[in-house]
Amino acid sequence: MGNKLSINLTSEQNFNWTGTHNGSRSNVDVKVLLIKSQSVKFMPLDVGKFFVNLIALTVDASGLSKLRKNDFVSLEKLQKIAIINNEISSIESTTFDLLSALLELNLSNNNLTSLPAKAFDKLTSLTRLELSDNNLTQLRFDLIPTENVISHFHAQNNKINSIDIIFVWRLNRAD
């Protein structure tokens, strides 16, 4: 049976992780964190200081409205992020810059209408990008990393009316 931890957020800096680990396990042993239906409006700061070996983070149906540049500080080991079924309408341009080990990013079922230029440019290991079920209207060339290895890209159920030809070219370059 897995560990059960819960999160209590009262403000951006004031949160508590509570719960128990199996046997002699501790926060160092936590590799996957799921925050589901928690009514959080922001990512808790310093998650990576509590869970130093975290490789997967999911925030599902929790009301997040934006992602900021400091949201993933100390989480450089993350390989998979799924922030799904939230209310994200904005992402700061450098939000993902420290996550060079990230393999999968799922931002499906949010309220995204656009993405900042080069939002994913530092994600040179990214193989899967999911942007489905948002309100995106265009796919610009600068969304795909110049050193692209994305092999799975999904953006269905958006309002896309413009796709840059260089965007398609960069996607096709992946091995």
Protein backbone atom coordinates (compact mmCIF):
# COMPACT_ATOMS: atom_id res chain seq x y z
CA MET A 1 0.00 0.00 0.00
CA GLY A 2 1.30 3.46 -0.92
CA ASN A 3 2.12 6.36 1.29
CA LYS A 4 -0.70 8.77 2.15
CA LEU A 5 0.24 12.40 2.50
CA SER A 6 -2.06 15.38 2.46
CA ILE A 7 -1.43 19.05 1.84
CA ASN A 8 -2.83 21.96 3.77
CA LEU A 9 -2.31 25.27 2.01
CA THR A 10 -3.26 28.52 3.68
CA SER A 11 -1.02 30.82 1.69
CA GLU A 12 1.84 30.61 -0.78
CA GLN A 13 4.47 30.36 1.95
CA ASN A 14 2.39 28.69 4.66
CA PHE A 15 1.67 25.05 3.95
CA ASN A 16 2.02 21.79 5.82
CA TRP A 17 2.60 18.30 4.52
CA THR A 18 1.02 15.79 6.85
CA GLY A 19 0.63 12.05 6.80
CA THR A 20 2.59 8.90 7.32
CA HIS A 21 5.08 6.90 5.33
CA ASN A 22 5.19 3.12 5.24
CA GLY A 23 7.69 1.53 7.59
CA SER A 24 10.96 3.42 7.80
CA ARG A 25 10.35 5.54 4.70
CA SER A 26 10.66 9.33 4.72
CA ASN A 27 10.17 12.33 2.41
CA VAL A 28 13.43 11.38 0.67
CA ASP A 29 11.68 8.23 -0.61
CA VAL A 30 8.80 10.13 -2.25
CA LYS A 31 9.18 10.06 -6.02
CA VAL A 32 5.61 10.74 -7.13
CA LEU A 33 3.31 13.44 -5.77
CA LEU A 34 -0.38 13.75 -6.62
CA ILE A 35 -2.32 16.84 -5.58
CA LYS A 36 -5.95 16.23 -6.50
CA SER A 37 -9.09 18.23 -5.79
CA GLN A 38 -7.33 20.42 -3.24
CA SER A 39 -8.64 23.90 -4.19
CA VAL A 40 -5.17 25.40 -4.51
CA LYS A 41 -4.76 28.58 -6.55
CA PHE A 42 -0.96 28.41 -6.69
CA MET A 43 1.83 25.87 -6.62
CA PRO A 44 3.26 25.46 -3.13
CA LEU A 45 6.77 26.89 -2.95
CA ASP A 46 9.78 24.71 -2.13
CA VAL A 47 8.12 21.36 -2.81
CA GLY A 48 11.54 20.17 -3.98
CA LYS A 49 13.06 20.90 -0.58
CA PHE A 50 10.60 18.49 1.06
CA PHE A 51 10.71 15.82 -1.64
CA VAL A 52 14.25 15.97 -3.00
CA ASN A 53 13.89 12.88 -5.20
CA LEU A 54 10.56 13.77 -6.79
CA ILE A 55 10.40 12.68 -10.43
CA ALA A 56 6.65 12.99 -11.13
CA LEU A 57 4.17 15.68 -10.11
CA THR A 58 0.46 15.73 -10.89
CA VAL A 59 -1.90 18.53 -9.96
CA ASP A 60 -5.40 17.45 -10.98
CA ALA A 61 -8.66 19.39 -10.63
CA SER A 62 -7.29 21.72 -7.98
CA GLY A 63 -8.15 25.16 -9.38
CA LEU A 64 -4.66 26.34 -10.31
CA SER A 65 -5.01 29.52 -12.36
CA LYS A 66 -1.43 30.28 -13.40
CA LEU A 67 2.09 28.91 -13.44
CA ARG A 68 4.94 31.18 -12.40
CA LYS A 69 8.70 31.15 -12.90
CA ASN A 70 9.42 30.03 -9.32
CA ASP A 71 6.87 27.20 -9.19
CA PHE A 72 9.39 24.48 -10.05
CA VAL A 73 12.49 25.73 -8.21
CA SER A 74 14.32 22.81 -6.54
CA LEU A 75 12.50 20.31 -8.76
CA GLU A 76 15.22 19.82 -11.37
CA LYS A 77 14.85 16.01 -11.20
CA LEU A 78 11.25 16.06 -12.43
CA GLN A 79 10.69 13.83 -15.43
CA LYS A 80 6.91 14.07 -15.64
CA ILE A 81 4.50 16.92 -14.92
CA ALA A 82 0.74 16.70 -15.37
CA ILE A 83 -1.18 19.83 -14.48
CA ILE A 84 -4.58 18.84 -15.78
CA ASN A 85 -8.21 19.81 -15.29
CA ASN A 86 -7.32 23.13 -13.69
CA GLU A 87 -8.02 26.75 -14.62
CA ILE A 88 -4.59 27.79 -15.86
CA SER A 89 -4.91 30.81 -18.12
CA SER A 90 -1.31 32.06 -18.01
CA ILE A 91 2.20 30.69 -17.83
CA GLU A 92 5.22 32.91 -17.25
CA SER A 93 7.87 32.59 -19.96
CA THR A 94 10.62 31.04 -17.78
CA THR A 95 8.40 28.69 -15.76
CA PHE A 96 9.97 25.49 -17.11
CA ASP A 97 13.54 26.70 -17.70
CA LEU A 98 15.13 24.70 -14.85
CA LEU A 99 13.55 21.39 -15.85
CA SER A 100 16.05 20.03 -18.38
CA ALA A 101 15.34 16.42 -17.28
CA LEU A 102 11.61 16.73 -18.01
CA LEU A 103 10.39 14.04 -20.41
CA GLU A 104 6.61 14.57 -20.30
CA LEU A 105 4.51 17.70 -19.84
CA ASN A 106 0.72 17.54 -19.81
CA LEU A 107 -1.21 20.81 -19.55
CA SER A 108 -4.52 19.46 -20.87
CA ASN A 109 -7.95 20.68 -19.80
CA ASN A 110 -7.03 24.18 -18.68
CA ASN A 111 -7.96 27.66 -19.92
CA LEU A 112 -4.84 28.41 -21.96
CA THR A 113 -5.47 30.76 -24.89
CA SER A 114 -1.79 31.32 -25.69
CA LEU A 115 1.65 30.30 -24.52
CA PRO A 116 4.69 32.53 -24.08
CA ALA A 117 7.41 32.48 -26.70
CA LYS A 118 10.08 29.86 -25.98
CA ALA A 119 8.09 28.53 -23.00
CA PHE A 120 9.48 25.03 -23.65
CA ASP A 121 12.82 25.96 -25.23
CA LYS A 122 14.98 24.70 -22.33
CA LEU A 123 13.16 21.36 -22.24
CA THR A 124 15.67 19.55 -24.43
CA SER A 125 14.68 16.10 -23.12
CA LEU A 126 10.93 16.60 -23.61
CA THR A 127 9.46 13.70 -25.60
CA ARG A 128 5.75 14.21 -24.87
CA LEU A 129 3.82 17.50 -24.88
CA GLU A 130 0.06 17.51 -24.32
CA LEU A 131 -1.93 20.73 -24.71
CA SER A 132 -5.35 19.28 -25.54
CA ASP A 133 -8.67 20.72 -24.39
CA ASN A 134 -7.58 24.31 -23.90
CA ASN A 135 -8.50 27.44 -25.85
CA LEU A 136 -5.28 27.80 -27.83
CA THR A 137 -5.72 29.70 -31.09
CA GLN A 138 -2.28 29.30 -32.65
CA LEU A 139 0.79 27.10 -32.67
CA ARG A 140 3.80 29.35 -33.17
CA PHE A 141 7.23 28.09 -34.21
CA ASP A 142 8.79 29.26 -30.94
CA LEU A 143 6.74 26.80 -28.84
CA ILE A 144 8.83 23.83 -29.90
CA PRO A 145 12.38 23.66 -28.54
CA THR A 146 15.05 24.29 -31.16
CA GLU A 147 16.71 21.07 -29.95
CA ASN A 148 13.45 19.15 -30.31
CA VAL A 149 13.04 15.49 -29.34
CA ILE A 150 9.24 15.57 -28.96
CA SER A 151 7.78 12.40 -30.42
CA HIS A 152 4.23 12.76 -29.04
CA PHE A 153 2.41 16.07 -29.41
CA HIS A 154 -1.30 16.48 -28.74
CA ALA A 155 -3.35 19.66 -29.08
CA GLN A 156 -6.81 18.47 -30.05
CA ASN A 157 -9.97 20.26 -28.93
CA ASN A 158 -8.53 23.76 -29.04
CA LYS A 159 -9.55 26.73 -31.18
CA ILE A 160 -6.46 26.65 -33.38
CA ASN A 161 -6.73 28.82 -36.48
CA SER A 162 -3.02 29.27 -37.22
CA ILE A 163 -0.10 26.83 -37.30
CA ASP A 164 3.34 28.15 -38.17
CA ILE A 165 5.13 26.03 -40.79
CA ILE A 166 8.35 26.10 -38.73
CA PHE A 167 6.38 24.62 -35.84
CA VAL A 168 5.51 21.64 -38.04
CA TRP A 169 9.07 21.42 -39.34
CA ARG A 170 10.50 21.33 -35.79
CA LEU A 171 8.06 18.61 -34.79
CA ASN A 172 9.04 16.54 -37.81
CA ARG A 173 12.75 16.80 -36.94
CA ALA A 174 12.36 14.67 -33.83
CA ASP A 175 13.79 11.16 -34.08
